[in-house]
């Protein structure tokens, strides 16, 4: 859990520096947390050839957003992300890339001035039919 909280704080800090909205920061934090949890659940104390499984997490900040790559030192099965987790991640990030030994989350900030109405605000503005 201590590593998960450190990853969440780092993700939020980097996204804030890139001028992400509060909602986008929360989405990135959630995606990082869910990915880390799914990978840790599937790691074995002793991976192939008796080597312990390891996980490398790399954050890449660029003008277009933040990429977070989780790389397993001993690889992991493509089925490491269940359907629920995959669906959740796809709703939180702009792009989800699952490779043989890595998972990359790509999150871009919303354009300045872009407003996404909340379902509650939309429902509140509807006239009775």
Protein backbone atom coordinates (compact mmCIF):
# COMPACT_ATOMS: atom_id res chain seq x y z
CA UNK A 1 0.00 0.00 0.00
CA UNK A 2 2.84 2.44 0.70
CA UNK A 3 4.05 2.15 -2.90
CA UNK A 4 0.52 2.63 -4.22
CA UNK A 5 0.07 5.86 -2.29
CA UNK A 6 3.47 7.14 -3.49
CA UNK A 7 2.47 6.43 -7.10
CA UNK A 8 -0.88 8.21 -6.64
CA UNK A 9 0.83 11.30 -5.18
CA UNK A 10 3.42 11.37 -7.97
CA UNK A 11 0.73 11.00 -10.66
CA UNK A 12 -1.34 13.81 -9.14
CA UNK A 13 1.68 16.11 -8.77
CA UNK A 14 2.84 15.63 -12.35
CA UNK A 15 -0.66 16.10 -13.72
CA UNK A 16 -1.14 19.27 -11.68
CA UNK A 17 2.12 20.68 -13.06
CA UNK A 18 0.77 20.01 -16.56
CA UNK A 19 -2.36 22.03 -15.77
CA UNK A 20 -4.75 19.05 -15.76
CA UNK A 21 -8.24 19.73 -14.44
CA UNK A 22 -9.16 18.38 -11.01
CA UNK A 23 -11.27 15.68 -12.71
CA UNK A 24 -8.39 14.66 -15.00
CA UNK A 25 -6.02 14.45 -12.02
CA UNK A 26 -8.51 12.23 -10.20
CA UNK A 27 -8.91 10.03 -13.30
CA UNK A 28 -5.15 9.57 -13.65
CA UNK A 29 -4.76 8.78 -9.95
CA UNK A 30 -7.53 6.19 -10.15
CA UNK A 31 -6.04 4.60 -13.28
CA UNK A 32 -2.57 4.38 -11.69
CA UNK A 33 -4.02 2.91 -8.50
CA UNK A 34 -6.14 0.30 -10.31
CA UNK A 35 -3.31 -0.76 -12.62
CA UNK A 36 -0.86 -1.11 -9.75
CA UNK A 37 -3.37 -3.10 -7.68
CA UNK A 38 -4.13 -5.47 -10.58
CA UNK A 39 -0.44 -6.10 -11.21
CA UNK A 40 0.44 -6.63 -7.56
CA UNK A 41 -2.45 -9.10 -7.17
CA UNK A 42 -0.98 -11.18 -10.00
CA UNK A 43 2.68 -11.04 -9.02
CA UNK A 44 4.31 -14.15 -7.64
CA UNK A 45 6.89 -14.13 -4.84
CA UNK A 46 9.11 -16.20 -7.08
CA UNK A 47 8.73 -15.68 -10.81
CA UNK A 48 10.24 -17.68 -13.68
CA UNK A 49 13.60 -19.29 -12.95
CA UNK A 50 13.13 -18.59 -9.25
CA UNK A 51 13.63 -14.82 -9.62
CA UNK A 52 11.22 -12.64 -7.66
CA UNK A 53 8.75 -10.64 -9.73
CA UNK A 54 9.50 -6.94 -9.93
CA UNK A 55 7.65 -3.92 -11.24
CA UNK A 56 9.13 -0.78 -12.76
CA UNK A 57 6.88 2.26 -13.07
CA UNK A 58 7.97 5.05 -15.40
CA UNK A 59 6.28 8.44 -15.64
CA UNK A 60 6.84 10.47 -18.80
CA UNK A 61 5.67 14.07 -18.88
CA UNK A 62 5.48 15.86 -22.22
CA UNK A 63 3.62 18.78 -23.73
CA UNK A 64 0.71 16.56 -24.66
CA UNK A 65 0.20 15.01 -21.22
CA UNK A 66 1.45 12.22 -18.98
CA UNK A 67 2.26 8.60 -19.84
CA UNK A 68 2.64 6.00 -17.10
CA UNK A 69 4.25 2.69 -18.02
CA UNK A 70 4.20 -0.31 -15.72
CA UNK A 71 6.80 -2.89 -16.75
CA UNK A 72 7.06 -6.32 -15.13
CA UNK A 73 10.64 -7.52 -14.82
CA UNK A 74 9.57 -11.12 -15.48
CA UNK A 75 6.67 -10.37 -17.81
CA UNK A 76 3.04 -11.02 -16.99
CA UNK A 77 0.11 -12.67 -18.72
CA UNK A 78 -2.07 -10.48 -20.93
CA UNK A 79 -4.99 -11.58 -18.78
CA UNK A 80 -3.59 -9.67 -15.79
CA UNK A 81 -6.31 -7.03 -16.31
CA UNK A 82 -9.80 -8.42 -15.89
CA UNK A 83 -12.71 -7.06 -17.90
CA UNK A 84 -13.91 -4.74 -15.10
CA UNK A 85 -10.45 -3.21 -14.62
CA UNK A 86 -9.91 -2.84 -18.37
CA UNK A 87 -13.26 -1.08 -18.78
CA UNK A 88 -12.53 1.22 -15.83
CA UNK A 89 -9.09 2.14 -17.20
CA UNK A 90 -10.54 2.85 -20.64
CA UNK A 91 -12.94 5.36 -19.06
CA UNK A 92 -10.18 7.09 -17.06
CA UNK A 93 -7.38 7.48 -19.61
CA UNK A 94 -7.20 8.54 -23.24
CA UNK A 95 -5.30 5.45 -24.30
CA UNK A 96 -4.56 2.08 -22.72
CA UNK A 97 -1.76 -0.01 -24.24
CA UNK A 98 -1.28 -3.57 -23.01
CA UNK A 99 1.90 -5.28 -24.20
CA UNK A 100 3.63 -8.56 -23.38
CA UNK A 101 5.52 -7.11 -20.44
CA UNK A 102 4.05 -3.65 -19.95
CA UNK A 103 0.90 -1.60 -19.54
CA UNK A 104 0.91 2.07 -20.53
CA UNK A 105 -1.67 4.64 -19.49
CA UNK A 106 -1.80 7.78 -21.64
CA UNK A 107 -3.62 10.77 -20.19
CA UNK A 108 -4.01 14.11 -21.94
CA UNK A 109 -5.34 17.25 -20.29
CA UNK A 110 -8.65 18.61 -21.51
CA UNK A 111 -8.47 21.64 -23.74
CA UNK A 112 -8.72 24.96 -22.00
CA UNK A 113 -12.31 26.08 -21.79
CA UNK A 114 -13.73 22.66 -22.65
CA UNK A 115 -16.62 21.90 -20.35
CA UNK A 116 -18.02 18.44 -19.82
CA UNK A 117 -21.46 18.73 -18.23
CA UNK A 118 -22.07 16.44 -15.31
CA UNK A 119 -25.03 14.06 -15.54
CA UNK A 120 -26.57 15.80 -12.54
CA UNK A 121 -26.32 19.23 -14.15
CA UNK A 122 -27.82 17.86 -17.38
CA UNK A 123 -30.69 16.22 -15.51
CA UNK A 124 -31.34 19.37 -13.51
CA UNK A 125 -31.67 21.52 -16.64
CA UNK A 126 -34.18 19.26 -18.42
CA UNK A 127 -37.72 20.45 -18.55
CA UNK A 128 -40.42 18.03 -17.47
CA UNK A 129 -41.87 16.22 -20.43
